Amino acid sequence: MKKIILIVVAVVVVVGAVGVFLYLRDDAPEELSIDSGDDTDNPASESPDDVDGRWVVVAEEPTQAGFRITEKFAGGTANNTAVGRTSSVTGDLIIAGTTVSEGQFVVDMTSIEYSDTPPGFDVGNRKRALANVGIETGKFPEASFKLTKPIDFGEVPADNEQIEAEATGELTLHGVTKEVTFTVDAKLDGADLTVVSHSPVPVSLPDYDIEPPVVGPVAEVSDDGAFEFLLVLNKS
């Protein structure tokens, strides 16, 4: 009888361990990339005769902007990557030849939706909490980026050709503005110009006066996160 009890206890422990793993596993969405914009049902359209002029952000998917940050659960013994994104992005680029001479975009932080989190963590509660703590969307409903130096792509991309360049500008987050430099990828696909962060751009929360929030079962939030974006633009 004791042996049977021990076997049952062992099975319960193993099943419980598997359950804890499933609860705490990190299933964050993949980082945004130039290929993320290919998952669209938009019909093929012709490329413009030339790229010179104003290009306007299409504020619907696959356009996305948001952030990634690491959370610690279970007393800091397991990590989860929190990802928040929205398609509520406005902005434009001015292109002349191979150069983006002006550019800016604004993100509606109040519309950010969050990826699936471990079971028992209410995504709605996270959104409501972050209106008052952390990024404080109730006080700072917008984040923005504005070019301070032209982007030189070196060439006009052929249709469906990916090119890479460096962007420098002012990132405004939580009411604080800092200069940042990062790499972007661009691709012209018919009438759509896609510009995407080459990889998530590091952001130190203390630099933007953001106090890492502790919400629900989260034990700790990293001081370092990242922002990422994928913008689909059409020529105005």
Protein backbone atom coordinates (compact mmCIF):
# COMPACT_ATOMS: atom_id res chain seq x y z
CA MET A 1 0.00 0.00 0.00
CA LYS A 2 2.83 2.42 0.89
CA LYS A 3 4.49 1.65 -2.45
CA ILE A 4 1.28 2.51 -4.31
CA ILE A 5 0.99 5.79 -2.38
CA LEU A 6 4.60 6.66 -3.22
CA ILE A 7 3.99 5.96 -6.92
CA VAL A 8 0.86 8.13 -6.91
CA VAL A 9 2.76 10.95 -5.17
CA ALA A 10 5.58 10.68 -7.71
CA VAL A 11 3.12 10.89 -10.61
CA VAL A 12 1.46 13.94 -9.05
CA VAL A 13 4.85 15.64 -8.64
CA VAL A 14 5.82 14.96 -12.27
CA VAL A 15 2.45 16.16 -13.60
CA GLY A 16 2.70 19.23 -11.40
CA ALA A 17 6.19 20.00 -12.69
CA VAL A 18 4.96 19.75 -16.28
CA GLY A 19 2.07 22.06 -15.42
CA VAL A 20 4.42 24.63 -13.91
CA PHE A 21 6.56 24.51 -17.08
CA LEU A 22 3.51 25.07 -19.30
CA TYR A 23 2.39 27.91 -17.04
CA LEU A 24 5.73 29.70 -17.16
CA ARG A 25 7.00 28.97 -20.67
CA ASP A 26 7.79 32.00 -22.80
CA ASP A 27 5.60 32.04 -25.92
CA ALA A 28 6.28 35.64 -26.98
CA PRO A 29 5.56 36.61 -30.60
CA GLU A 30 8.55 36.66 -32.90
CA GLU A 31 10.41 39.92 -33.39
CA LEU A 32 9.08 42.10 -36.19
CA SER A 33 11.00 41.77 -39.45
CA ILE A 34 10.61 42.72 -43.08
CA ASP A 35 8.90 39.37 -43.65
CA SER A 36 6.25 40.15 -41.03
CA GLY A 37 4.67 42.53 -43.53
CA ASP A 38 4.22 39.80 -46.13
CA ASP A 39 1.31 38.21 -44.29
CA THR A 40 -1.30 40.37 -45.95
CA ASP A 41 -4.23 39.70 -48.25
CA ASN A 42 -3.86 42.99 -50.10
CA PRO A 43 -4.04 42.44 -53.85
CA ALA A 44 -0.90 43.12 -55.88
CA SER A 45 -0.59 46.72 -57.00
CA GLU A 46 1.75 48.54 -59.31
CA SER A 47 4.82 50.34 -58.05
CA PRO A 48 4.78 54.14 -58.43
CA ASP A 49 6.64 55.63 -61.40
CA ASP A 50 9.15 57.08 -58.93
CA VAL A 51 9.56 57.08 -55.17
CA ASP A 52 10.07 60.83 -54.77
CA GLY A 53 7.46 62.54 -52.63
CA ARG A 54 5.46 61.99 -49.47
CA TRP A 55 4.70 58.50 -48.18
CA VAL A 56 1.99 58.08 -45.52
CA VAL A 57 1.72 55.33 -42.90
CA VAL A 58 -1.24 52.98 -43.40
CA ALA A 59 -2.69 52.72 -39.88
CA GLU A 60 -3.85 49.11 -40.09
CA GLU A 61 -2.20 45.70 -40.06
CA PRO A 62 0.43 44.74 -40.97
CA THR A 63 1.60 48.16 -39.66
CA GLN A 64 2.60 47.63 -36.03
CA ALA A 65 4.63 49.36 -33.34
CA GLY A 66 5.28 48.40 -29.76
CA PHE A 67 7.70 47.13 -27.17
CA ARG A 68 9.25 44.00 -25.67
CA ILE A 69 10.40 43.60 -22.08
CA THR A 70 11.30 40.74 -19.75
CA GLU A 71 9.16 39.94 -16.70
CA LYS A 72 10.08 37.55 -13.91
CA PHE A 73 7.46 35.25 -12.42
CA ALA A 74 7.37 32.76 -9.54
CA GLY A 75 9.65 34.71 -7.26
CA GLY A 76 12.04 35.49 -10.09
CA THR A 77 12.65 31.84 -11.05
CA ALA A 78 11.15 32.07 -14.56
CA ASN A 79 10.95 34.72 -17.28
CA ASN A 80 8.25 35.87 -19.65
CA THR A 81 8.70 38.30 -22.55
CA ALA A 82 5.85 40.80 -22.46
CA VAL A 83 5.02 42.14 -25.93
CA GLY A 84 2.65 45.01 -26.62
CA ARG A 85 1.74 46.21 -30.12
CA THR A 86 -0.72 48.43 -31.95
CA SER A 87 -1.54 49.35 -35.54
CA SER A 88 -2.68 52.83 -34.46
CA VAL A 89 0.33 54.57 -35.93
CA THR A 90 0.33 57.82 -37.91
CA GLY A 91 3.18 59.51 -39.74
CA ASP A 92 4.96 60.02 -43.02
CA LEU A 93 8.28 60.07 -44.86
CA ILE A 94 9.56 62.51 -47.47
CA ILE A 95 11.75 60.80 -50.07
CA ALA A 96 13.99 62.44 -52.65
CA GLY A 97 16.05 60.09 -54.78
CA THR A 98 17.76 57.62 -52.47
CA THR A 99 17.32 59.77 -49.35
CA VAL A 100 14.59 60.05 -46.74
CA SER A 101 14.91 63.73 -45.91
CA GLU A 102 12.14 63.90 -43.29
CA GLY A 103 10.24 61.35 -41.30
CA GLN A 104 8.17 60.94 -38.18
CA PHE A 105 5.60 58.63 -36.71
CA VAL A 106 3.35 58.73 -33.65
CA VAL A 107 2.06 55.69 -31.75
CA ASP A 108 -1.20 55.68 -29.80
CA MET A 109 0.01 53.97 -26.62
CA THR A 110 -3.52 53.67 -25.22
CA SER A 111 -4.44 51.26 -28.02
CA ILE A 112 -1.59 48.81 -27.40
CA GLU A 113 -2.72 45.22 -27.06
CA TYR A 114 -0.65 42.62 -25.22
CA SER A 115 0.30 39.12 -26.29
CA ASP A 116 -0.88 36.02 -24.47
CA THR A 117 0.56 35.79 -20.98
CA PRO A 118 0.79 32.83 -18.58
CA PRO A 119 -2.63 31.42 -17.62
CA GLY A 120 -4.31 33.32 -14.83
CA PHE A 121 -2.80 36.66 -15.86
CA ASP A 122 -5.57 38.93 -17.15
CA VAL A 123 -4.32 40.90 -20.17
CA GLY A 124 -7.04 43.48 -19.54
CA ASN A 125 -5.72 44.03 -16.02
CA ARG A 126 -2.24 44.62 -17.45
CA LYS A 127 -3.58 47.25 -19.84
CA ARG A 128 -5.56 49.01 -17.12
CA ALA A 129 -2.61 48.94 -14.73
CA LEU A 130 -0.18 50.41 -17.27
CA ALA A 131 -2.49 53.40 -17.66
CA ASN A 132 -1.34 54.46 -14.19
CA VAL A 133 2.09 52.84 -13.66
CA GLY A 134 5.11 52.08 -15.81
CA ILE A 135 4.53 53.72 -19.19
CA GLU A 136 1.50 55.57 -17.70
CA THR A 137 -0.58 55.76 -20.85
CA GLY A 138 -3.18 57.77 -18.93
CA LYS A 139 -0.67 60.64 -18.65
CA PHE A 140 1.41 59.99 -21.75
CA PRO A 141 -0.94 58.57 -24.41
CA GLU A 142 1.54 58.94 -27.29
CA ALA A 143 5.09 57.93 -28.13
CA SER A 144 6.86 59.30 -31.19
CA PHE A 145 9.98 59.21 -33.30
CA LYS A 146 11.27 62.03 -35.53
CA LEU A 147 14.26 61.88 -37.85
CA THR A 148 17.00 64.40 -37.08
CA LYS A 149 19.31 63.22 -39.88
CA PRO A 150 18.42 62.10 -43.40
CA ILE A 151 18.44 58.37 -44.10
CA ASP A 152 20.51 57.50 -47.15
CA PHE A 153 19.60 54.10 -48.58
CA GLY A 154 22.23 54.48 -51.28
CA GLU A 155 19.90 53.19 -53.98
CA VAL A 156 16.26 53.11 -54.97
CA PRO A 157 15.10 49.58 -54.14
CA ALA A 158 13.94 47.39 -56.99
CA ASP A 159 10.55 45.79 -56.46
CA ASN A 160 10.76 43.26 -53.59
CA GLU A 161 14.42 44.06 -52.93
CA GLN A 162 15.36 44.55 -49.28
CA ILE A 163 17.82 47.32 -48.41
CA GLU A 164 19.31 48.45 -45.10
CA ALA A 165 20.31 51.83 -43.64
CA GLU A 166 20.87 53.68 -40.37
CA ALA A 167 18.28 56.01 -38.82
CA THR A 168 18.98 58.70 -36.22
CA GLY A 169 16.30 60.72 -34.52
CA GLU A 170 14.46 61.74 -31.36
CA LEU A 171 12.46 59.11 -29.52
CA THR A 172 9.86 60.55 -27.17
CA LEU A 173 8.53 58.12 -24.59
CA HIS A 174 6.81 58.83 -21.27
CA GLY A 175 7.23 62.54 -21.98
CA VAL A 176 11.04 62.28 -22.25
CA THR A 177 12.96 62.79 -25.51
CA LYS A 178 16.29 61.09 -26.26
CA GLU A 179 18.34 60.73 -29.43
CA VAL A 180 18.62 57.17 -30.70
CA THR A 181 20.33 55.53 -33.66
CA PHE A 182 19.32 52.16 -35.05
CA THR A 183 19.20 50.10 -38.24
CA VAL A 184 16.14 49.86 -40.47
CA ASP A 185 15.23 47.60 -43.38
CA ALA A 186 13.07 48.76 -46.29
CA LYS A 187 11.35 47.02 -49.18
CA LEU A 188 9.15 48.25 -52.03
CA ASP A 189 6.39 45.80 -52.90
CA GLY A 190 4.08 47.22 -55.51
CA ALA A 191 2.51 50.35 -54.05
CA ASP A 192 3.57 49.44 -50.51
CA LEU A 193 6.81 50.67 -48.97
CA THR A 194 7.65 48.70 -45.83
CA VAL A 195 10.09 50.11 -43.29
CA VAL A 196 10.92 48.00 -40.23
CA SER A 197 13.33 48.06 -37.31
CA HIS A 198 16.10 45.62 -38.23
CA SER A 199 15.96 44.28 -34.66
CA PRO A 200 14.31 45.51 -31.45
CA VAL A 201 15.92 48.80 -30.41
CA PRO A 202 17.19 48.78 -26.79
CA VAL A 203 15.55 51.19 -24.36
CA SER A 204 16.62 51.77 -20.75
CA LEU A 205 13.50 52.57 -18.71
CA PRO A 206 15.30 54.86 -16.20
CA ASP A 207 16.46 57.04 -19.14
CA TYR A 208 12.78 57.85 -19.79
CA ASP A 209 11.82 58.23 -16.12
CA ILE A 210 9.84 54.98 -16.27
CA GLU A 211 9.65 52.99 -13.06
CA PRO A 212 9.40 49.27 -13.90
CA PRO A 213 5.86 48.27 -12.87
CA VAL A 214 4.93 45.24 -10.81
CA VAL A 215 1.52 43.97 -11.92
CA GLY A 216 -0.39 40.88 -10.74
CA PRO A 217 1.85 37.77 -10.50
CA VAL A 218 4.87 39.60 -11.93
CA ALA A 219 7.69 39.57 -9.40
CA GLU A 220 10.02 41.93 -11.24
CA VAL A 221 10.28 43.80 -14.54
CA SER A 222 13.62 44.44 -16.24
CA ASP A 223 15.02 47.97 -16.38
CA ASP A 224 15.86 47.34 -20.04
CA GLY A 225 13.34 46.81 -22.81
CA ALA A 226 13.14 47.47 -26.54
CA PHE A 227 10.86 49.05 -29.08
CA GLU A 228 10.14 47.70 -32.55
CA PHE A 229 8.03 48.75 -35.50
CA LEU A 230 6.88 47.75 -38.95
CA LEU A 231 5.43 50.56 -41.04
CA VAL A 232 3.61 50.08 -44.32
CA LEU A 233 3.42 53.35 -46.29
CA ASN A 234 1.66 54.38 -49.48
CA LYS A 235 2.65 57.31 -51.65
CA SER A 236 0.45 60.32 -51.11
